[in-house]
PDB file of N, CA and C in Angstrom:
ATOM      1  N   MET A   1       0.966  -1.056  -0.039  1.00  0.00           N
ATOM      2  CA  MET A   1      -0.464   0.261  -0.085  1.00  0.00           C
ATOM      3  C   MET A   1       0.834   1.126   0.057  1.00  0.00           C
ATOM      4  N   GLN A   2       0.732   1.994  -1.000  1.00  0.00           N
ATOM      5  CA  GLN A   2       1.377   3.400  -0.900  1.00  0.00           C
ATOM      6  C   GLN A   2       0.478   5.020   0.122  1.00  0.00           C
ATOM      7  N   ARG A   3       0.422   5.581  -0.003  1.00  0.00           N
ATOM      8  CA  ARG A   3      -0.322   6.886   0.404  1.00  0.00           C
ATOM      9  C   ARG A   3       0.189   8.167  -0.686  1.00  0.00           C
ATOM     10  N   TYR A   4      -0.590   8.834  -1.214  1.00  0.00           N
ATOM     11  CA  TYR A   4       0.361   9.747  -1.323  1.00  0.00           C
ATOM     12  C   TYR A   4      -1.394  11.333  -1.305  1.00  0.00           C
ATOM     13  N   GLY A   5      -0.124  11.638  -1.178  1.00  0.00           N
ATOM     14  CA  GLY A   5      -1.208  13.264  -0.250  1.00  0.00           C
ATOM     15  C   GLY A   5      -0.452  14.588  -1.713  1.00  0.00           C
ATOM     16  N   TRP A   6      -1.825  15.423  -2.051  1.00  0.00           N
ATOM     17  CA  TRP A   6      -2.161  16.282  -3.216  1.00  0.00           C
ATOM     18  C   TRP A   6      -2.827  17.888  -2.740  1.00  0.00           C
ATOM     19  N   LEU A   7      -2.637  18.988  -3.684  1.00  0.00           N
ATOM     20  CA  LEU A   7      -3.127  20.225  -2.379  1.00  0.00           C
ATOM     21  C   LEU A   7      -2.808  20.768  -3.973  1.00  0.00           C
ATOM     22  N   ILE A   8      -4.093  21.357  -3.425  1.00  0.00           N
ATOM     23  CA  ILE A   8      -4.868  22.312  -4.833  1.00  0.00           C
ATOM     24  C   ILE A   8      -5.234  23.531  -4.372  1.00  0.00           C
ATOM     25  N   ARG A   9      -5.295  24.571  -4.584  1.00  0.00           N
ATOM     26  CA  ARG A   9      -5.964  25.582  -4.176  1.00  0.00           C
ATOM     27  C   ARG A   9      -7.559  25.990  -4.404  1.00  0.00           C
ATOM     28  N   LEU A  10      -8.791  25.972  -3.352  1.00  0.00           N
ATOM     29  CA  LEU A  10      -9.824  26.116  -3.614  1.00  0.00           C
ATOM     30  C   LEU A  10     -10.217  27.657  -4.352  1.00  0.00           C
ATOM     31  N   ARG A  11     -11.233  27.749  -5.521  1.00  0.00           N
ATOM     32  CA  ARG A  11     -11.444  29.314  -5.174  1.00  0.00           C
ATOM     33  C   ARG A  11     -11.824  30.128  -5.198  1.00  0.00           C
ATOM     34  N   PRO A  12     -12.074  31.107  -3.963  1.00  0.00           N
ATOM     35  CA  PRO A  12     -13.397  31.594  -2.878  1.00  0.00           C
ATOM     36  C   PRO A  12     -14.628  31.922  -3.323  1.00  0.00           C
ATOM     37  N   GLU A  13     -14.959  32.562  -4.690  1.00  0.00           N
ATOM     38  CA  GLU A  13     -16.131  32.002  -5.408  1.00  0.00           C
ATOM     39  C   GLU A  13     -16.521  30.688  -5.571  1.00  0.00           C
ATOM     40  N   HIS A  14     -16.083  29.269  -5.931  1.00  0.00           N
ATOM     41  CA  HIS A  14     -16.578  28.942  -6.230  1.00  0.00           C
ATOM     42  C   HIS A  14     -16.433  27.918  -4.879  1.00  0.00           C
ATOM     43  N   ARG A  15     -16.420  28.209  -3.147  1.00  0.00           N
ATOM     44  CA  ARG A  15     -16.201  27.089  -2.223  1.00  0.00           C
ATOM     45  C   ARG A  15     -18.142  26.888  -2.390  1.00  0.00           C
ATOM     46  N   GLU A  16     -18.941  27.767  -2.267  1.00  0.00           N
ATOM     47  CA  GLU A  16     -20.204  26.345  -1.931  1.00  0.00           C
ATOM     48  C   GLU A  16     -20.657  25.636  -3.346  1.00  0.00           C
ATOM     49  N   THR A  17     -20.579  25.876  -3.740  1.00  0.00           N
ATOM     50  CA  THR A  17     -20.259  25.210  -5.244  1.00  0.00           C
ATOM     51  C   THR A  17     -19.944  23.769  -4.281  1.00  0.00           C
ATOM     52  N   TYR A  18     -18.808  23.386  -5.327  1.00  0.00           N
ATOM     53  CA  TYR A  18     -17.379  22.397  -4.265  1.00  0.00           C
ATOM     54  C   TYR A  18     -17.721  21.840  -3.329  1.00  0.00           C
ATOM     55  N   LEU A  19     -18.348  22.622  -1.859  1.00  0.00           N
ATOM     56  CA  LEU A  19     -18.311  21.759  -1.221  1.00  0.00           C
ATOM     57  C   LEU A  19     -19.724  20.765  -1.166  1.00  0.00           C
ATOM     58  N   ARG A  20     -20.706  21.701  -2.164  1.00  0.00           N
ATOM     59  CA  ARG A  20     -21.985  20.973  -2.198  1.00  0.00           C
ATOM     60  C   ARG A  20     -22.188  19.589  -3.199  1.00  0.00           C
ATOM     61  N   LEU A  21     -20.980  19.776  -4.292  1.00  0.00           N
ATOM     62  CA  LEU A  21     -20.763  18.056  -5.209  1.00  0.00           C
ATOM     63  C   LEU A  21     -20.079  17.152  -4.130  1.00  0.00           C
ATOM     64  N   HIS A  22     -19.295  17.799  -3.028  1.00  0.00           N
ATOM     65  CA  HIS A  22     -19.003  16.854  -1.904  1.00  0.00           C
ATOM     66  C   HIS A  22     -19.184  16.414  -1.392  1.00  0.00           C
ATOM     67  N   ALA A  23     -20.647  16.701  -1.088  1.00  0.00           N
ATOM     68  CA  ALA A  23     -21.262  16.142  -0.151  1.00  0.00           C
ATOM     69  C   ALA A  23     -22.245  14.450  -0.663  1.00  0.00           C
ATOM     70  N   ALA A  24     -22.303  15.012  -1.796  1.00  0.00           N
ATOM     71  CA  ALA A  24     -22.559  14.069  -2.197  1.00  0.00           C
ATOM     72  C   ALA A  24     -22.051  13.529  -3.304  1.00  0.00           C
ATOM     73  N   VAL A  25     -20.376  12.845  -3.316  1.00  0.00           N
ATOM     74  CA  VAL A  25     -20.450  12.883  -4.600  1.00  0.00           C
ATOM     75  C   VAL A  25     -20.908  11.318  -5.665  1.00  0.00           C
ATOM     76  N   TRP A  26     -21.028  11.647  -6.469  1.00  0.00           N
ATOM     77  CA  TRP A  26     -22.163   9.973  -7.957  1.00  0.00           C
ATOM     78  C   TRP A  26     -20.931   8.955  -7.536  1.00  0.00           C
ATOM     79  N   PRO A  27     -22.186   8.381  -7.317  1.00  0.00           N
ATOM     80  CA  PRO A  27     -21.600   7.013  -7.329  1.00  0.00           C
ATOM     81  C   PRO A  27     -20.599   6.435  -8.226  1.00  0.00           C
ATOM     82  N   ASP A  28     -21.091   6.948  -9.580  1.00  0.00           N
ATOM     83  CA  ASP A  28     -20.204   6.366 -10.146  1.00  0.00           C
ATOM     84  C   ASP A  28     -18.967   6.387 -10.196  1.00  0.00           C
ATOM     85  N   VAL A  29     -18.604   8.487 -10.249  1.00  0.00           N
ATOM     86  CA  VAL A  29     -17.235   7.958 -10.032  1.00  0.00           C
ATOM     87  C   VAL A  29     -16.715   7.978  -8.618  1.00  0.00           C
ATOM     88  N   GLU A  30     -16.956   7.753  -7.483  1.00  0.00           N
ATOM     89  CA  GLU A  30     -16.358   6.693  -6.268  1.00  0.00           C
ATOM     90  C   GLU A  30     -16.374   4.933  -6.952  1.00  0.00           C
ATOM     91  N   ARG A  31     -17.657   4.464  -7.422  1.00  0.00           N
ATOM     92  CA  ARG A  31     -17.287   3.300  -8.378  1.00  0.00           C
ATOM     93  C   ARG A  31     -15.329   3.263  -8.762  1.00  0.00           C
ATOM     94  N   THR A  32     -15.398   4.220 -10.077  1.00  0.00           N
ATOM     95  CA  THR A  32     -14.433   3.907 -11.078  1.00  0.00           C
ATOM     96  C   THR A  32     -12.917   4.290  -9.864  1.00  0.00           C
ATOM     97  N   LEU A  33     -13.034   5.108  -8.542  1.00  0.00           N
ATOM     98  CA  LEU A  33     -11.411   4.773  -7.691  1.00  0.00           C
ATOM     99  C   LEU A  33     -11.261   3.831  -6.709  1.00  0.00           C
ATOM    100  N   ARG A  34     -12.821   3.384  -6.930  1.00  0.00           N
ATOM    101  CA  ARG A  34     -12.225   1.693  -6.355  1.00  0.00           C
ATOM    102  C   ARG A  34     -12.040   0.810  -6.851  1.00  0.00           C
ATOM    103  N   ALA A  35     -12.053   0.757  -8.037  1.00  0.00           N
ATOM    104  CA  ALA A  35     -11.723  -0.109  -9.029  1.00  0.00           C
ATOM    105  C   ALA A  35     -10.168   0.416  -9.622  1.00  0.00           C
ATOM    106  N   ALA A  36      -9.506   1.674  -9.505  1.00  0.00           N
ATOM    107  CA  ALA A  36      -8.691   1.451  -9.403  1.00  0.00           C
ATOM    108  C   ALA A  36      -7.843   2.131  -8.318  1.00  0.00           C
ATOM    109  N   ASN A  37      -7.803   0.961  -7.487  1.00  0.00           N
ATOM    110  CA  ASN A  37      -7.398   1.217  -6.399  1.00  0.00           C
ATOM    111  C   ASN A  37      -7.093   1.704  -5.342  1.00  0.00           C
ATOM    112  N   ILE A  38      -7.578   3.055  -5.241  1.00  0.00           N
ATOM    113  CA  ILE A  38      -8.034   3.827  -3.500  1.00  0.00           C
ATOM    114  C   ILE A  38      -9.135   3.231  -3.075  1.00  0.00           C
ATOM    115  N   ARG A  39      -8.385   3.952  -1.373  1.00  0.00           N
ATOM    116  CA  ARG A  39      -8.710   3.791  -0.873  1.00  0.00           C
ATOM    117  C   ARG A  39      -8.288   4.481   0.681  1.00  0.00           C
ATOM    118  N   ASN A  40      -9.497   4.730   1.419  1.00  0.00           N
ATOM    119  CA  ASN A  40      -9.328   6.116   2.256  1.00  0.00           C
ATOM    120  C   ASN A  40      -9.060   7.329   1.621  1.00  0.00           C
ATOM    121  N   TYR A  41      -9.700   7.623   0.962  1.00  0.00           N
ATOM    122  CA  TYR A  41      -9.356   8.843  -0.695  1.00  0.00           C
ATOM    123  C   TYR A  41     -10.377   9.633   0.921  1.00  0.00           C
ATOM    124  N   SER A  42      -9.373  10.764   1.032  1.00  0.00           N
ATOM    125  CA  SER A  42     -10.214  12.139   2.035  1.00  0.00           C
ATOM    126  C   SER A  42      -9.907  13.686   0.815  1.00  0.00           C
ATOM    127  N   ILE A  43     -10.349  14.256   1.278  1.00  0.00           N
ATOM    128  CA  ILE A  43     -10.209  15.890   1.029  1.00  0.00           C
ATOM    129  C   ILE A  43     -10.896  16.318   1.963  1.00  0.00           C
ATOM    130  N   PHE A  44      -9.057  17.046   2.796  1.00  0.00           N
ATOM    131  CA  PHE A  44      -9.771  17.984   4.136  1.00  0.00           C
ATOM    132  C   PHE A  44      -9.288  19.729   3.315  1.00  0.00           C
ATOM    133  N   LEU A  45      -9.918  20.633   3.944  1.00  0.00           N
ATOM    134  CA  LEU A  45     -10.343  21.900   3.348  1.00  0.00           C
ATOM    135  C   LEU A  45      -9.599  22.817   4.667  1.00  0.00           C
ATOM    136  N   HIS A  46      -9.093  24.248   4.595  1.00  0.00           N
ATOM    137  CA  HIS A  46      -7.817  25.172   5.129  1.00  0.00           C
ATOM    138  C   HIS A  46      -7.851  25.993   5.129  1.00  0.00           C
ATOM    139  N   GLY A  47      -9.066  26.824   4.732  1.00  0.00           N
ATOM    140  CA  GLY A  47      -8.354  28.138   4.341  1.00  0.00           C
ATOM    141  C   GLY A  47      -9.583  27.781   2.945  1.00  0.00           C
ATOM    142  N   ASP A  48      -8.384  28.015   1.855  1.00  0.00           N
ATOM    143  CA  ASP A  48      -8.712  28.139   1.173  1.00  0.00           C
ATOM    144  C   ASP A  48      -7.887  26.910   0.160  1.00  0.00           C
ATOM    145  N   LEU A  49      -7.624  26.023   0.888  1.00  0.00           N
ATOM    146  CA  LEU A  49      -6.481  24.842   0.991  1.00  0.00           C
ATOM    147  C   LEU A  49      -7.257  23.982   0.986  1.00  0.00           C
ATOM    148  N   LEU A  50      -7.420  22.948  -0.065  1.00  0.00           N
ATOM    149  CA  LEU A  50      -7.732  21.426  -0.318  1.00  0.00           C
ATOM    150  C   LEU A  50      -6.256  20.569  -0.024  1.00  0.00           C
ATOM    151  N   PHE A  51      -6.570  19.834   1.084  1.00  0.00           N
ATOM    152  CA  PHE A  51      -5.504  18.785   0.894  1.00  0.00           C
ATOM    153  C   PHE A  51      -5.951  17.314   0.712  1.00  0.00           C
ATOM    154  N   GLY A  52      -5.896  16.466  -0.817  1.00  0.00           N
ATOM    155  CA  GLY A  52      -6.488  15.181  -0.229  1.00  0.00           C
ATOM    156  C   GLY A  52      -5.597  14.426  -0.238  1.00  0.00           C
ATOM    157  N   TYR A  53      -5.901  13.142   0.622  1.00  0.00           N
ATOM    158  CA  TYR A  53      -4.938  12.049   0.601  1.00  0.00           C
ATOM    159  C   TYR A  53      -5.359  10.606   0.893  1.00  0.00           C
ATOM    160  N   TYR A  54      -4.783   9.724  -0.164  1.00  0.00           N
ATOM    161  CA  TYR A  54      -5.593   8.527  -0.674  1.00  0.00           C
ATOM    162  C   TYR A  54      -5.169   7.101  -0.229  1.00  0.00           C
ATOM    163  N   GLU A  55      -4.998   6.137   0.075  1.00  0.00           N
ATOM    164  CA  GLU A  55      -4.374   4.708  -0.108  1.00  0.00           C
ATOM    165  C   GLU A  55      -4.770   4.380  -1.782  1.00  0.00           C
ATOM    166  N   TYR A  56      -2.976   3.499  -2.551  1.00  0.00           N
ATOM    167  CA  TYR A  56      -3.627   2.825  -3.569  1.00  0.00           C
ATOM    168  C   TYR A  56      -3.100   1.442  -2.533  1.00  0.00           C
ATOM    169  N   VAL A  57      -3.453   0.277  -3.807  1.00  0.00           N
ATOM    170  CA  VAL A  57      -3.380  -0.785  -3.149  1.00  0.00           C
ATOM    171  C   VAL A  57      -2.938  -1.818  -4.798  1.00  0.00           C
ATOM    172  N   GLY A  58      -2.889  -1.093  -5.528  1.00  0.00           N
ATOM    173  CA  GLY A  58      -3.040  -2.297  -6.778  1.00  0.00           C
ATOM    174  C   GLY A  58      -0.825  -2.417  -6.914  1.00  0.00           C
ATOM    175  N   GLU A  59      -1.661  -2.309  -8.506  1.00  0.00           N
ATOM    176  CA  GLU A  59       0.709  -2.657  -8.684  1.00  0.00           C
ATOM    177  C   GLU A  59       0.748  -1.434  -9.944  1.00  0.00           C
ATOM    178  N   ASP A  60       0.253  -0.357 -10.574  1.00  0.00           N
ATOM    179  CA  ASP A  60       0.611   0.164 -11.277  1.00  0.00           C
ATOM    180  C   ASP A  60      -0.375   0.973 -11.337  1.00  0.00           C
ATOM    181  N   HIS A  61       0.010   2.433 -10.331  1.00  0.00           N
ATOM    182  CA  HIS A  61       0.324   4.103  -9.533  1.00  0.00           C
ATOM    183  C   HIS A  61      -1.121   3.927 -10.863  1.00  0.00           C
ATOM    184  N   ASP A  62       0.080   4.523 -12.234  1.00  0.00           N
ATOM    185  CA  ASP A  62      -0.105   5.048 -13.359  1.00  0.00           C
ATOM    186  C   ASP A  62      -1.148   4.193 -14.307  1.00  0.00           C
ATOM    187  N   ALA A  63      -1.141   3.548 -14.920  1.00  0.00           N
ATOM    188  CA  ALA A  63      -2.232   2.935 -15.451  1.00  0.00           C
ATOM    189  C   ALA A  63      -3.349   3.351 -14.832  1.00  0.00           C
ATOM    190  N   ASP A  64      -3.383   3.241 -13.305  1.00  0.00           N
ATOM    191  CA  ASP A  64      -4.898   3.218 -12.940  1.00  0.00           C
ATOM    192  C   ASP A  64      -5.061   5.025 -12.400  1.00  0.00           C
ATOM    193  N   GLN A  65      -4.521   5.869 -12.888  1.00  0.00           N
ATOM    194  CA  GLN A  65      -5.087   6.629 -12.814  1.00  0.00           C
ATOM    195  C   GLN A  65      -5.372   7.474 -14.264  1.00  0.00           C
ATOM    196  N   ARG A  66      -4.405   7.031 -15.364  1.00  0.00           N
ATOM    197  CA  ARG A  66      -5.018   7.042 -16.863  1.00  0.00           C
ATOM    198  C   ARG A  66      -6.410   6.484 -16.606  1.00  0.00           C
ATOM    199  N   ARG A  67      -6.692   4.790 -15.764  1.00  0.00           N
ATOM    200  CA  ARG A  67      -8.284   4.580 -15.997  1.00  0.00           C
ATOM    201  C   ARG A  67      -9.659   5.154 -15.441  1.00  0.00           C
ATOM    202  N   ILE A  68      -8.863   5.947 -14.058  1.00  0.00           N
ATOM    203  CA  ILE A  68      -9.783   7.115 -13.992  1.00  0.00           C
ATOM    204  C   ILE A  68     -10.024   8.755 -14.636  1.00  0.00           C
ATOM    205  N   ALA A  69      -8.870   8.855 -16.159  1.00  0.00           N
ATOM    206  CA  ALA A  69      -9.010   9.787 -16.104  1.00  0.00           C
ATOM    207  C   ALA A  69      -9.664   9.818 -17.631  1.00  0.00           C
ATOM    208  N   ASP A  70     -10.211   8.047 -18.259  1.00  0.00           N
ATOM    209  CA  ASP A  70     -10.408   7.762 -19.478  1.00  0.00           C
ATOM    210  C   ASP A  70     -11.927   7.469 -18.629  1.00  0.00           C
ATOM    211  N   ASP A  71     -12.351   7.578 -17.475  1.00  0.00           N
ATOM    212  CA  ASP A  71     -14.667   6.969 -17.211  1.00  0.00           C
ATOM    213  C   ASP A  71     -14.644   8.471 -17.796  1.00  0.00           C
ATOM    214  N   PRO A  72     -15.544   7.900 -18.650  1.00  0.00           N
ATOM    215  CA  PRO A  72     -15.945   9.311 -19.027  1.00  0.00           C
ATOM    216  C   PRO A  72     -17.009  10.378 -18.337  1.00  0.00           C
ATOM    217  N   ARG A  73     -17.909   9.205 -16.752  1.00  0.00           N
ATOM    218  CA  ARG A  73     -18.646  10.315 -16.007  1.00  0.00           C
ATOM    219  C   ARG A  73     -17.555  10.715 -14.816  1.00  0.00           C
ATOM    220  N   THR A  74     -16.464  10.200 -14.167  1.00  0.00           N
ATOM    221  CA  THR A  74     -15.182  10.625 -13.824  1.00  0.00           C
ATOM    222  C   THR A  74     -15.168  12.393 -14.922  1.00  0.00           C
ATOM    223  N   GLN A  75     -14.845  12.196 -16.079  1.00  0.00           N
ATOM    224  CA  GLN A  75     -14.732  13.088 -16.699  1.00  0.00           C
ATOM    225  C   GLN A  75     -15.291  14.241 -16.234  1.00  0.00           C
ATOM    226  N   GLU A  76     -16.808  13.843 -16.432  1.00  0.00           N
ATOM    227  CA  GLU A  76     -17.946  14.859 -16.521  1.00  0.00           C
ATOM    228  C   GLU A  76     -17.847  15.768 -15.019  1.00  0.00           C
ATOM    229  N   TRP A  77     -17.294  14.864 -13.993  1.00  0.00           N
ATOM    230  CA  TRP A  77     -17.191  15.475 -12.177  1.00  0.00           C
ATOM    231  C   TRP A  77     -16.166  16.243 -12.500  1.00  0.00           C
ATOM    232  N   TRP A  78     -15.245  16.384 -12.965  1.00  0.00           N
ATOM    233  CA  TRP A  78     -14.182  16.648 -13.657  1.00  0.00           C
ATOM    234  C   TRP A  78     -14.333  18.305 -13.852  1.00  0.00           C
ATOM    235  N   THR A  79     -15.630  18.410 -14.868  1.00  0.00           N
ATOM    236  CA  THR A  79     -15.915  19.925 -15.727  1.00  0.00           C
ATOM    237  C   THR A  79     -17.074  20.450 -14.759  1.00  0.00           C
ATOM    238  N   LEU A  80     -17.412  19.851 -13.740  1.00  0.00           N
ATOM    239  CA  LEU A  80     -18.413  20.546 -12.824  1.00  0.00           C
ATOM    240  C   LEU A  80     -16.894  21.001 -11.188  1.00  0.00           C
ATOM    241  N   THR A  81     -16.030  20.259 -11.245  1.00  0.00           N
ATOM    242  CA  THR A  81     -15.152  21.137 -10.026  1.00  0.00           C
ATOM    243  C   THR A  81     -13.860  21.400 -10.364  1.00  0.00           C
ATOM    244  N   ASP A  82     -13.205  20.967 -12.089  1.00  0.00           N
ATOM    245  CA  ASP A  82     -12.265  21.754 -12.170  1.00  0.00           C
ATOM    246  C   ASP A  82     -12.136  23.553 -11.851  1.00  0.00           C
ATOM    247  N   PRO A  83     -13.511  23.638 -12.968  1.00  0.00           N
ATOM    248  CA  PRO A  83     -13.416  24.868 -12.373  1.00  0.00           C
ATOM    249  C   PRO A  83     -13.229  25.673 -10.461  1.00  0.00           C
ATOM    250  N   CYS A  84     -13.454  24.943 -10.313  1.00  0.00           N
ATOM    251  CA  CYS A  84     -13.394  24.937  -9.396  1.00  0.00           C
ATOM    252  C   CYS A  84     -12.212  25.165  -7.884  1.00  0.00           C
ATOM    253  N   GLN A  85     -11.168  24.500  -8.534  1.00  0.00           N
ATOM    254  CA  GLN A  85      -9.973  24.821  -8.448  1.00  0.00           C
ATOM    255  C   GLN A  85      -8.799  25.294  -9.291  1.00  0.00           C
ATOM    256  N   GLU A  86      -7.729  25.506  -8.528  1.00  0.00           N
ATOM    257  CA  GLU A  86      -6.505  26.080  -8.366  1.00  0.00           C
ATOM    258  C   GLU A  86      -5.398  25.708  -8.447  1.00  0.00           C
ATOM    259  N   SER A  87      -4.561  24.816  -9.930  1.00  0.00           N
ATOM    260  CA  SER A  87      -3.660  24.169  -9.453  1.00  0.00           C
ATOM    261  C   SER A  87      -2.260  25.619  -8.744  1.00  0.00           C
ATOM    262  N   VAL A  88      -1.915  24.495  -7.933  1.00  0.00           N
ATOM    263  CA  VAL A  88      -0.748  25.261  -7.511  1.00  0.00           C
ATOM    264  C   VAL A  88       0.554  24.150  -7.937  1.00  0.00           C
ATOM    265  N   ALA A  89       0.623  22.964  -8.370  1.00  0.00           N
ATOM    266  CA  ALA A  89       1.462  22.040  -9.346  1.00  0.00           C
ATOM    267  C   ALA A  89       2.243  22.869 -10.456  1.00  0.00           C
ATOM    268  N   GLU A  90       3.250  22.401  -9.863  1.00  0.00           N
ATOM    269  CA  GLU A  90       5.043  23.443 -10.901  1.00  0.00           C
ATOM    270  C   GLU A  90       4.248  22.610 -12.793  1.00  0.00           C
ATOM    271  N   PRO A  91       4.518  24.569 -12.686  1.00  0.00           N
ATOM    272  CA  PRO A  91       3.932  24.149 -13.936  1.00  0.00           C
ATOM    273  C   PRO A  91       4.070  23.536 -15.678  1.00  0.00           C
ATOM    274  N   ALA A  92       5.261  22.967 -15.630  1.00  0.00           N
ATOM    275  CA  ALA A  92       5.201  21.687 -16.256  1.00  0.00           C
ATOM    276  C   ALA A  92       4.940  20.317 -15.625  1.00  0.00           C
ATOM    277  N   SER A  93       4.867  20.784 -14.738  1.00  0.00           N
ATOM    278  CA  SER A  93       4.594  18.870 -14.191  1.00  0.00           C
ATOM    279  C   SER A  93       3.851  17.709 -15.226  1.00  0.00           C
ATOM    280  N   GLY A  94       2.863  17.851 -15.419  1.00  0.00           N
ATOM    281  CA  GLY A  94       1.920  17.333 -16.081  1.00  0.00           C
ATOM    282  C   GLY A  94       0.343  17.682 -15.281  1.00  0.00           C
ATOM    283  N   HIS A  95       0.710  17.968 -13.152  1.00  0.00           N
ATOM    284  CA  HIS A  95      -0.513  18.107 -12.416  1.00  0.00           C
ATOM    285  C   HIS A  95      -1.481  18.497 -12.057  1.00  0.00           C
ATOM    286  N   TRP A  96      -2.157  18.406 -12.007  1.00  0.00           N
ATOM    287  CA  TRP A  96      -3.048  19.651 -11.718  1.00  0.00           C
ATOM    288  C   TRP A  96      -3.456  19.583  -9.954  1.00  0.00           C
ATOM    289  N   TRP A  97      -3.437  18.922  -9.438  1.00  0.00           N
ATOM    290  CA  TRP A  97      -3.088  18.847  -7.853  1.00  0.00           C
ATOM    291  C   TRP A  97      -1.879  18.740  -7.578  1.00  0.00           C
ATOM    292  N   ALA A  98      -1.133  18.851  -7.083  1.00  0.00           N
ATOM    293  CA  ALA A  98       0.349  19.450  -6.438  1.00  0.00           C
ATOM    294  C   ALA A  98       0.973  17.755  -6.075  1.00  0.00           C
ATOM    295  N   PRO A  99       1.642  17.264  -6.426  1.00  0.00           N
ATOM    296  CA  PRO A  99       2.167  15.918  -5.532  1.00  0.00           C
ATOM    297  C   PRO A  99       2.651  16.176  -4.406  1.00  0.00           C
ATOM    298  N   MET A 100       2.672  15.656  -2.732  1.00  0.00           N
ATOM    299  CA  MET A 100       3.451  16.099  -1.949  1.00  0.00           C
ATOM    300  C   MET A 100       3.681  14.792  -1.372  1.00  0.00           C
ATOM    301  N   ARG A 101       4.935  15.357  -1.028  1.00  0.00           N
ATOM    302  CA  ARG A 101       6.274  14.070  -0.349  1.00  0.00           C
ATOM    303  C   ARG A 101       6.225  13.889   1.070  1.00  0.00           C
ATOM    304  N   GLU A 102       5.775  12.681   1.560  1.00  0.00           N
ATOM    305  CA  GLU A 102       5.590  12.469   2.925  1.00  0.00           C
ATOM    306  C   GLU A 102       6.666  12.572   3.793  1.00  0.00           C
ATOM    307  N   VAL A 103       6.632  12.820   4.443  1.00  0.00           N
ATOM    308  CA  VAL A 103       8.246  13.553   5.688  1.00  0.00           C
ATOM    309  C   VAL A 103       8.207  12.535   6.979  1.00  0.00           C
ATOM    310  N   TRP A 104       6.513  12.064   6.964  1.00  0.00           N
ATOM    311  CA  TRP A 104       6.389  10.946   8.421  1.00  0.00           C
ATOM    312  C   TRP A 104       5.729  10.314   8.335  1.00  0.00           C
ATOM    313  N   HIS A 105       5.299   9.052   8.869  1.00  0.00           N
ATOM    314  CA  HIS A 105       4.663   8.065   9.117  1.00  0.00           C
ATOM    315  C   HIS A 105       3.946   7.372  10.604  1.00  0.00           C
ATOM    316  N   LEU A 106       3.025   7.661  10.931  1.00  0.00           N
ATOM    317  CA  LEU A 106       3.214   7.022  12.405  1.00  0.00           C
ATOM    318  C   LEU A 106       2.540   5.158  12.130  1.00  0.00           C
ATOM    319  N   SER A 107       3.374   4.077  11.790  1.00  0.00           N
ATOM    320  CA  SER A 107       3.009   3.197  11.795  1.00  0.00           C
ATOM    321  C   SER A 107       1.637   2.938  12.494  1.00  0.00           C
ATOM    322  N   GLU A 108       0.790   1.293  12.909  1.00  0.00           N
ATOM    323  CA  GLU A 108       0.259   1.165  13.627  1.00  0.00           C
ATOM    324  C   GLU A 108       1.231  -0.099  14.437  1.00  0.00           C
ATOM    325  N   GLU A 109       2.549   0.035  14.339  1.00  0.00           N
ATOM    326  CA  GLU A 109       4.045  -1.331  15.191  1.00  0.00           C
ATOM    327  C   GLU A 109       4.436  -0.048  15.977  1.00  0.00           C
ATOM    328  N   GLU A 110       4.806  -0.326  17.103  1.00  0.00           N
ATOM    329  CA  GLU A 110       6.045   0.391  17.315  1.00  0.00           C
ATOM    330  C   GLU A 110       7.754  -0.136  16.214  1.00  0.00           C
ATOM    331  N   SER A 111       8.389   0.490  16.829  1.00  0.00           N
ATOM    332  CA  SER A 111       9.659  -0.122  15.858  1.00  0.00           C
ATOM    333  C   SER A 111      10.129  -1.175  17.222  1.00  0.00           C
TER     334      SER A 111
END
């Protein structure tokens, strides 16, 4: 299992729309995420920053990310959510959400 953290800015003028959409994420979108080996996905809000976290349990993260991106229902979802966001990723990175580097993790067991 791999942990991923991502960051993006929420556009203040679209805050209510974004929160309303995420109060009832479409079941098709959730199914696609699960089928792509995404688990324990959470999005947190602090001021105008969104922090996304998920655990990946598959073998090929890039292929599963493409599977998500190729899903027509997810693409439709993104047409609603993308205008609510402003990327903070490096311009040439190819990322919409900026990837974060894990610097510490508390495991379930003591060392």
